[in-house]
Amino acid sequence: MVYQASRIAYKSAPGALHVLKAYTPNLIFFGAAAGGLVFTLTERVPLFRNTFLKKIPVVGDHWDVKIDPQDTYY
């Protein structure tokens, strides 16, 4: 004899919010690592240095280029 269910039973799938909460620490860690990599690789680019790095409040003076007069060619 074949059993036929009178109603269809649905399982509830975990929502997107539950999945996002589970991955939040990983996303924060890898986002910070990616941001640090971008800042490290573009540190020598003058446009990036003048636009972003010099405007950091506490450590912005680190990227000021100070060349002694004896070191210039002219």
PDB file of N, CA and C in Angstrom:
ATOM      1  N   MET A   1       0.831  -1.168   0.000  1.00  0.00           N
ATOM      2  CA  MET A   1       0.000   0.000   0.000  1.00  0.00           C
ATOM      3  C   MET A   1       0.889   1.249   0.000  1.00  0.00           C
ATOM      4  N   VAL A   2       0.503   2.259  -0.747  1.00  0.00           N
ATOM      5  CA  VAL A   2       1.257   3.506  -0.893  1.00  0.00           C
ATOM      6  C   VAL A   2       0.680   4.552   0.044  1.00  0.00           C
ATOM      7  N   TYR A   3       1.574   5.201   0.771  1.00  0.00           N
ATOM      8  CA  TYR A   3       1.138   6.255   1.700  1.00  0.00           C
ATOM      9  C   TYR A   3       1.130   7.588   0.971  1.00  0.00           C
ATOM     10  N   GLN A   4       0.041   8.290   1.020  1.00  0.00           N
ATOM     11  CA  GLN A   4      -0.048   9.612   0.417  1.00  0.00           C
ATOM     12  C   GLN A   4      -0.290  10.626   1.520  1.00  0.00           C
ATOM     13  N   ALA A   5       0.552  11.648   1.512  1.00  0.00           N
ATOM     14  CA  ALA A   5       0.426  12.686   2.534  1.00  0.00           C
ATOM     15  C   ALA A   5      -0.732  13.594   2.180  1.00  0.00           C
ATOM     16  N   SER A   6      -1.477  13.974   3.176  1.00  0.00           N
ATOM     17  CA  SER A   6      -2.610  14.851   2.922  1.00  0.00           C
ATOM     18  C   SER A   6      -2.165  16.304   2.729  1.00  0.00           C
ATOM     19  N   ARG A   7      -1.047  16.659   3.352  1.00  0.00           N
ATOM     20  CA  ARG A   7      -0.508  18.014   3.191  1.00  0.00           C
ATOM     21  C   ARG A   7       0.972  17.934   2.828  1.00  0.00           C
ATOM     22  N   ILE A   8       1.471  18.922   2.142  1.00  0.00           N
ATOM     23  CA  ILE A   8       2.887  18.989   1.811  1.00  0.00           C
ATOM     24  C   ILE A   8       3.603  19.658   2.980  1.00  0.00           C
ATOM     25  N   ALA A   9       4.664  19.032   3.437  1.00  0.00           N
ATOM     26  CA  ALA A   9       5.428  19.587   4.566  1.00  0.00           C
ATOM     27  C   ALA A   9       6.586  20.405   4.007  1.00  0.00           C
ATOM     28  N   TYR A  10       6.687  21.645   4.428  1.00  0.00           N
ATOM     29  CA  TYR A  10       7.744  22.527   3.979  1.00  0.00           C
ATOM     30  C   TYR A  10       8.767  22.705   5.093  1.00  0.00           C
ATOM     31  N   LYS A  11      10.025  22.721   4.724  1.00  0.00           N
ATOM     32  CA  LYS A  11      11.069  23.061   5.671  1.00  0.00           C
ATOM     33  C   LYS A  11      11.425  24.523   5.450  1.00  0.00           C
ATOM     34  N   SER A  12      11.619  25.216   6.528  1.00  0.00           N
ATOM     35  CA  SER A  12      12.005  26.615   6.357  1.00  0.00           C
ATOM     36  C   SER A  12      13.517  26.691   6.199  1.00  0.00           C
ATOM     37  N   ALA A  13      13.952  27.388   5.185  1.00  0.00           N
ATOM     38  CA  ALA A  13      15.378  27.580   4.931  1.00  0.00           C
ATOM     39  C   ALA A  13      15.866  28.768   5.750  1.00  0.00           C
ATOM     40  N   PRO A  14      17.119  28.753   6.171  1.00  0.00           N
ATOM     41  CA  PRO A  14      17.629  29.898   6.916  1.00  0.00           C
ATOM     42  C   PRO A  14      17.632  31.142   6.024  1.00  0.00           C
ATOM     43  N   GLY A  15      17.242  32.243   6.586  1.00  0.00           N
ATOM     44  CA  GLY A  15      17.157  33.471   5.820  1.00  0.00           C
ATOM     45  C   GLY A  15      18.522  34.088   5.573  1.00  0.00           C
ATOM     46  N   ALA A  16      18.525  35.117   4.774  1.00  0.00           N
ATOM     47  CA  ALA A  16      19.770  35.786   4.424  1.00  0.00           C
ATOM     48  C   ALA A  16      20.387  36.471   5.640  1.00  0.00           C
ATOM     49  N   LEU A  17      19.568  36.931   6.561  1.00  0.00           N
ATOM     50  CA  LEU A  17      20.092  37.608   7.742  1.00  0.00           C
ATOM     51  C   LEU A  17      20.873  36.649   8.628  1.00  0.00           C
ATOM     52  N   HIS A  18      20.383  35.438   8.755  1.00  0.00           N
ATOM     53  CA  HIS A  18      21.084  34.436   9.552  1.00  0.00           C
ATOM     54  C   HIS A  18      22.447  34.111   8.935  1.00  0.00           C
ATOM     55  N   VAL A  19      22.491  33.976   7.632  1.00  0.00           N
ATOM     56  CA  VAL A  19      23.741  33.667   6.936  1.00  0.00           C
ATOM     57  C   VAL A  19      24.698  34.850   7.047  1.00  0.00           C
ATOM     58  N   LEU A  20      24.187  36.056   6.919  1.00  0.00           N
ATOM     59  CA  LEU A  20      25.028  37.244   7.018  1.00  0.00           C
ATOM     60  C   LEU A  20      25.631  37.384   8.408  1.00  0.00           C
ATOM     61  N   LYS A  21      24.849  37.065   9.439  1.00  0.00           N
ATOM     62  CA  LYS A  21      25.374  37.117  10.807  1.00  0.00           C
ATOM     63  C   LYS A  21      26.492  36.103  11.009  1.00  0.00           C
ATOM     64  N   ALA A  22      26.378  34.973  10.373  1.00  0.00           N
ATOM     65  CA  ALA A  22      27.395  33.937  10.526  1.00  0.00           C
ATOM     66  C   ALA A  22      28.706  34.338   9.861  1.00  0.00           C
ATOM     67  N   TYR A  23      28.634  35.057   8.751  1.00  0.00           N
ATOM     68  CA  TYR A  23      29.838  35.421   8.008  1.00  0.00           C
ATOM     69  C   TYR A  23      30.383  36.807   8.356  1.00  0.00           C
ATOM     70  N   THR A  24      29.738  37.537   9.240  1.00  0.00           N
ATOM     71  CA  THR A  24      30.163  38.907   9.552  1.00  0.00           C
ATOM     72  C   THR A  24      31.600  38.996  10.056  1.00  0.00           C
ATOM     73  N   PRO A  25      32.067  38.171  10.990  1.00  0.00           N
ATOM     74  CA  PRO A  25      33.468  38.290  11.416  1.00  0.00           C
ATOM     75  C   PRO A  25      34.459  38.041  10.275  1.00  0.00           C
ATOM     76  N   ASN A  26      34.157  37.082   9.424  1.00  0.00           N
ATOM     77  CA  ASN A  26      35.045  36.816   8.294  1.00  0.00           C
ATOM     78  C   ASN A  26      35.046  37.974   7.310  1.00  0.00           C
ATOM     79  N   LEU A  27      33.878  38.541   7.046  1.00  0.00           N
ATOM     80  CA  LEU A  27      33.801  39.665   6.116  1.00  0.00           C
ATOM     81  C   LEU A  27      34.547  40.882   6.646  1.00  0.00           C
ATOM     82  N   ILE A  28      34.460  41.124   7.951  1.00  0.00           N
ATOM     83  CA  ILE A  28      35.186  42.249   8.544  1.00  0.00           C
ATOM     84  C   ILE A  28      36.684  42.023   8.441  1.00  0.00           C
ATOM     85  N   PHE A  29      37.135  40.819   8.766  1.00  0.00           N
ATOM     86  CA  PHE A  29      38.564  40.522   8.724  1.00  0.00           C
ATOM     87  C   PHE A  29      39.127  40.651   7.313  1.00  0.00           C
ATOM     88  N   PHE A  30      38.476  40.026   6.340  1.00  0.00           N
ATOM     89  CA  PHE A  30      38.987  40.074   4.973  1.00  0.00           C
ATOM     90  C   PHE A  30      38.819  41.459   4.353  1.00  0.00           C
ATOM     91  N   GLY A  31      37.795  42.209   4.757  1.00  0.00           N
ATOM     92  CA  GLY A  31      37.655  43.583   4.276  1.00  0.00           C
ATOM     93  C   GLY A  31      38.766  44.475   4.791  1.00  0.00           C
ATOM     94  N   ALA A  32      39.117  44.315   6.065  1.00  0.00           N
ATOM     95  CA  ALA A  32      40.224  45.103   6.623  1.00  0.00           C
ATOM     96  C   ALA A  32      41.552  44.705   5.986  1.00  0.00           C
ATOM     97  N   ALA A  33      41.736  43.423   5.739  1.00  0.00           N
ATOM     98  CA  ALA A  33      42.966  42.965   5.087  1.00  0.00           C
ATOM     99  C   ALA A  33      43.062  43.498   3.658  1.00  0.00           C
ATOM    100  N   ALA A  34      41.949  43.513   2.943  1.00  0.00           N
ATOM    101  CA  ALA A  34      41.954  44.039   1.579  1.00  0.00           C
ATOM    102  C   ALA A  34      42.219  45.547   1.580  1.00  0.00           C
ATOM    103  N   GLY A  35      41.626  46.262   2.533  1.00  0.00           N
ATOM    104  CA  GLY A  35      41.893  47.701   2.637  1.00  0.00           C
ATOM    105  C   GLY A  35      43.341  47.990   2.973  1.00  0.00           C
ATOM    106  N   GLY A  36      43.912  47.208   3.886  1.00  0.00           N
ATOM    107  CA  GLY A  36      45.332  47.372   4.208  1.00  0.00           C
ATOM    108  C   GLY A  36      46.230  47.069   3.022  1.00  0.00           C
ATOM    109  N   LEU A  37      45.865  46.074   2.241  1.00  0.00           N
ATOM    110  CA  LEU A  37      46.644  45.749   1.051  1.00  0.00           C
ATOM    111  C   LEU A  37      46.596  46.879   0.036  1.00  0.00           C
ATOM    112  N   VAL A  38      45.428  47.463  -0.148  1.00  0.00           N
ATOM    113  CA  VAL A  38      45.305  48.585  -1.088  1.00  0.00           C
ATOM    114  C   VAL A  38      46.155  49.761  -0.618  1.00  0.00           C
ATOM    115  N   PHE A  39      46.089  50.078   0.677  1.00  0.00           N
ATOM    116  CA  PHE A  39      46.881  51.186   1.198  1.00  0.00           C
ATOM    117  C   PHE A  39      48.373  50.897   1.094  1.00  0.00           C
ATOM    118  N   THR A  40      48.780  49.650   1.285  1.00  0.00           N
ATOM    119  CA  THR A  40      50.194  49.302   1.204  1.00  0.00           C
ATOM    120  C   THR A  40      50.702  49.351  -0.231  1.00  0.00           C
ATOM    121  N   LEU A  41      49.940  48.827  -1.165  1.00  0.00           N
ATOM    122  CA  LEU A  41      50.402  48.768  -2.549  1.00  0.00           C
ATOM    123  C   LEU A  41      50.364  50.122  -3.246  1.00  0.00           C
ATOM    124  N   THR A  42      49.494  51.005  -2.808  1.00  0.00           N
ATOM    125  CA  THR A  42      49.376  52.306  -3.470  1.00  0.00           C
ATOM    126  C   THR A  42      50.029  53.426  -2.676  1.00  0.00           C
ATOM    127  N   GLU A  43      50.853  53.075  -1.704  1.00  0.00           N
ATOM    128  CA  GLU A  43      51.488  54.089  -0.859  1.00  0.00           C
ATOM    129  C   GLU A  43      52.420  54.995  -1.653  1.00  0.00           C
ATOM    130  N   ARG A  44      53.064  54.490  -2.669  1.00  0.00           N
ATOM    131  CA  ARG A  44      54.032  55.277  -3.432  1.00  0.00           C
ATOM    132  C   ARG A  44      53.404  56.063  -4.584  1.00  0.00           C
ATOM    133  N   VAL A  45      52.135  55.889  -4.859  1.00  0.00           N
ATOM    134  CA  VAL A  45      51.459  56.604  -5.941  1.00  0.00           C
ATOM    135  C   VAL A  45      51.115  58.007  -5.430  1.00  0.00           C
ATOM    136  N   PRO A  46      51.656  59.071  -6.070  1.00  0.00           N
ATOM    137  CA  PRO A  46      51.448  60.427  -5.542  1.00  0.00           C
ATOM    138  C   PRO A  46      49.978  60.849  -5.476  1.00  0.00           C
ATOM    139  N   LEU A  47      49.186  60.482  -6.456  1.00  0.00           N
ATOM    140  CA  LEU A  47      47.783  60.880  -6.447  1.00  0.00           C
ATOM    141  C   LEU A  47      47.053  60.253  -5.260  1.00  0.00           C
ATOM    142  N   PHE A  48      47.276  59.001  -5.012  1.00  0.00           N
ATOM    143  CA  PHE A  48      46.642  58.324  -3.868  1.00  0.00           C
ATOM    144  C   PHE A  48      47.169  58.884  -2.550  1.00  0.00           C
ATOM    145  N   ARG A  49      48.469  59.151  -2.498  1.00  0.00           N
ATOM    146  CA  ARG A  49      49.071  59.667  -1.275  1.00  0.00           C
ATOM    147  C   ARG A  49      48.514  61.048  -0.938  1.00  0.00           C
ATOM    148  N   ASN A  50      48.407  61.910  -1.934  1.00  0.00           N
ATOM    149  CA  ASN A  50      47.902  63.263  -1.675  1.00  0.00           C
ATOM    150  C   ASN A  50      46.405  63.288  -1.410  1.00  0.00           C
ATOM    151  N   THR A  51      45.666  62.381  -2.036  1.00  0.00           N
ATOM    152  CA  THR A  51      44.214  62.375  -1.893  1.00  0.00           C
ATOM    153  C   THR A  51      43.762  61.729  -0.593  1.00  0.00           C
ATOM    154  N   PHE A  52      44.373  60.614  -0.202  1.00  0.00           N
ATOM    155  CA  PHE A  52      43.879  59.855   0.943  1.00  0.00           C
ATOM    156  C   PHE A  52      44.833  59.838   2.130  1.00  0.00           C
ATOM    157  N   LEU A  53      46.064  59.445   1.909  1.00  0.00           N
ATOM    158  CA  LEU A  53      46.953  59.143   3.029  1.00  0.00           C
ATOM    159  C   LEU A  53      47.346  60.374   3.838  1.00  0.00           C
ATOM    160  N   LYS A  54      47.562  61.494   3.185  1.00  0.00           N
ATOM    161  CA  LYS A  54      47.958  62.705   3.913  1.00  0.00           C
ATOM    162  C   LYS A  54      46.809  63.282   4.732  1.00  0.00           C
ATOM    163  N   LYS A  55      45.592  62.867   4.475  1.00  0.00           N
ATOM    164  CA  LYS A  55      44.431  63.414   5.177  1.00  0.00           C
ATOM    165  C   LYS A  55      43.995  62.569   6.370  1.00  0.00           C
ATOM    166  N   ILE A  56      44.773  61.535   6.708  1.00  0.00           N
ATOM    167  CA  ILE A  56      44.483  60.754   7.908  1.00  0.00           C
ATOM    168  C   ILE A  56      44.887  61.619   9.105  1.00  0.00           C
ATOM    169  N   PRO A  57      44.015  61.803  10.088  1.00  0.00           N
ATOM    170  CA  PRO A  57      44.256  62.799  11.134  1.00  0.00           C
ATOM    171  C   PRO A  57      45.551  62.651  11.926  1.00  0.00           C
ATOM    172  N   VAL A  58      45.889  61.493  12.430  1.00  0.00           N
ATOM    173  CA  VAL A  58      47.025  61.386  13.345  1.00  0.00           C
ATOM    174  C   VAL A  58      48.329  61.105  12.609  1.00  0.00           C
ATOM    175  N   VAL A  59      48.303  60.235  11.629  1.00  0.00           N
ATOM    176  CA  VAL A  59      49.537  59.796  10.970  1.00  0.00           C
ATOM    177  C   VAL A  59      49.701  60.359   9.563  1.00  0.00           C
ATOM    178  N   GLY A  60      48.962  61.369   9.204  1.00  0.00           N
ATOM    179  CA  GLY A  60      49.042  61.926   7.858  1.00  0.00           C
ATOM    180  C   GLY A  60      50.374  62.581   7.540  1.00  0.00           C
ATOM    181  N   ASP A  61      51.083  63.070   8.554  1.00  0.00           N
ATOM    182  CA  ASP A  61      52.372  63.718   8.312  1.00  0.00           C
ATOM    183  C   ASP A  61      53.459  62.724   7.902  1.00  0.00           C
ATOM    184  N   HIS A  62      53.220  61.461   8.113  1.00  0.00           N
ATOM    185  CA  HIS A  62      54.206  60.442   7.734  1.00  0.00           C
ATOM    186  C   HIS A  62      54.434  60.435   6.222  1.00  0.00           C
ATOM    187  N   TRP A  63      53.427  60.786   5.452  1.00  0.00           N
ATOM    188  CA  TRP A  63      53.538  60.734   3.996  1.00  0.00           C
ATOM    189  C   TRP A  63      53.917  62.068   3.372  1.00  0.00           C
ATOM    190  N   ASP A  64      54.289  63.062   4.157  1.00  0.00           N
ATOM    191  CA  ASP A  64      54.817  64.295   3.591  1.00  0.00           C
ATOM    192  C   ASP A  64      56.224  64.032   3.065  1.00  0.00           C
ATOM    193  N   VAL A  65      56.457  64.385   1.812  1.00  0.00           N
ATOM    194  CA  VAL A  65      57.766  64.159   1.213  1.00  0.00           C
ATOM    195  C   VAL A  65      58.630  65.375   1.519  1.00  0.00           C
ATOM    196  N   LYS A  66      59.681  65.151   2.301  1.00  0.00           N
ATOM    197  CA  LYS A  66      60.599  66.222   2.669  1.00  0.00           C
ATOM    198  C   LYS A  66      61.962  65.901   2.065  1.00  0.00           C
ATOM    199  N   ILE A  67      62.371  66.680   1.081  1.00  0.00           N
ATOM    200  CA  ILE A  67      63.655  66.458   0.411  1.00  0.00           C
ATOM    201  C   ILE A  67      64.607  67.576   0.820  1.00  0.00           C
ATOM    202  N   ASP A  68      65.786  67.187   1.268  1.00  0.00           N
ATOM    203  CA  ASP A  68      66.803  68.182   1.645  1.00  0.00           C
ATOM    204  C   ASP A  68      67.279  68.929   0.398  1.00  0.00           C
ATOM    205  N   PRO A  69      67.655  70.199   0.545  1.00  0.00           N
ATOM    206  CA  PRO A  69      68.143  70.945  -0.624  1.00  0.00           C
ATOM    207  C   PRO A  69      69.414  70.333  -1.231  1.00  0.00           C
ATOM    208  N   GLN A  70      70.223  69.652  -0.435  1.00  0.00           N
ATOM    209  CA  GLN A  70      71.449  69.052  -0.975  1.00  0.00           C
ATOM    210  C   GLN A  70      71.143  67.855  -1.861  1.00  0.00           C
ATOM    211  N   ASP A  71      69.976  67.263  -1.713  1.00  0.00           N
ATOM    212  CA  ASP A  71      69.645  66.063  -2.467  1.00  0.00           C
ATOM    213  C   ASP A  71      68.976  66.345  -3.810  1.00  0.00           C
ATOM    214  N   THR A  72      68.675  67.595  -4.118  1.00  0.00           N
ATOM    215  CA  THR A  72      68.030  67.907  -5.390  1.00  0.00           C
ATOM    216  C   THR A  72      69.071  68.062  -6.489  1.00  0.00           C
ATOM    217  N   TYR A  73      68.650  67.830  -7.697  1.00  0.00           N
ATOM    218  CA  TYR A  73      69.563  67.923  -8.842  1.00  0.00           C
ATOM    219  C   TYR A  73      69.767  69.361  -9.311  1.00  0.00           C
ATOM    220  N   TYR A  74      68.845  70.243  -8.975  1.00  0.00           N
ATOM    221  CA  TYR A  74      68.911  71.593  -9.518  1.00  0.00           C
ATOM    222  C   TYR A  74      69.442  72.556  -8.515  1.00  0.00           C
TER     223      TYR A  74
END
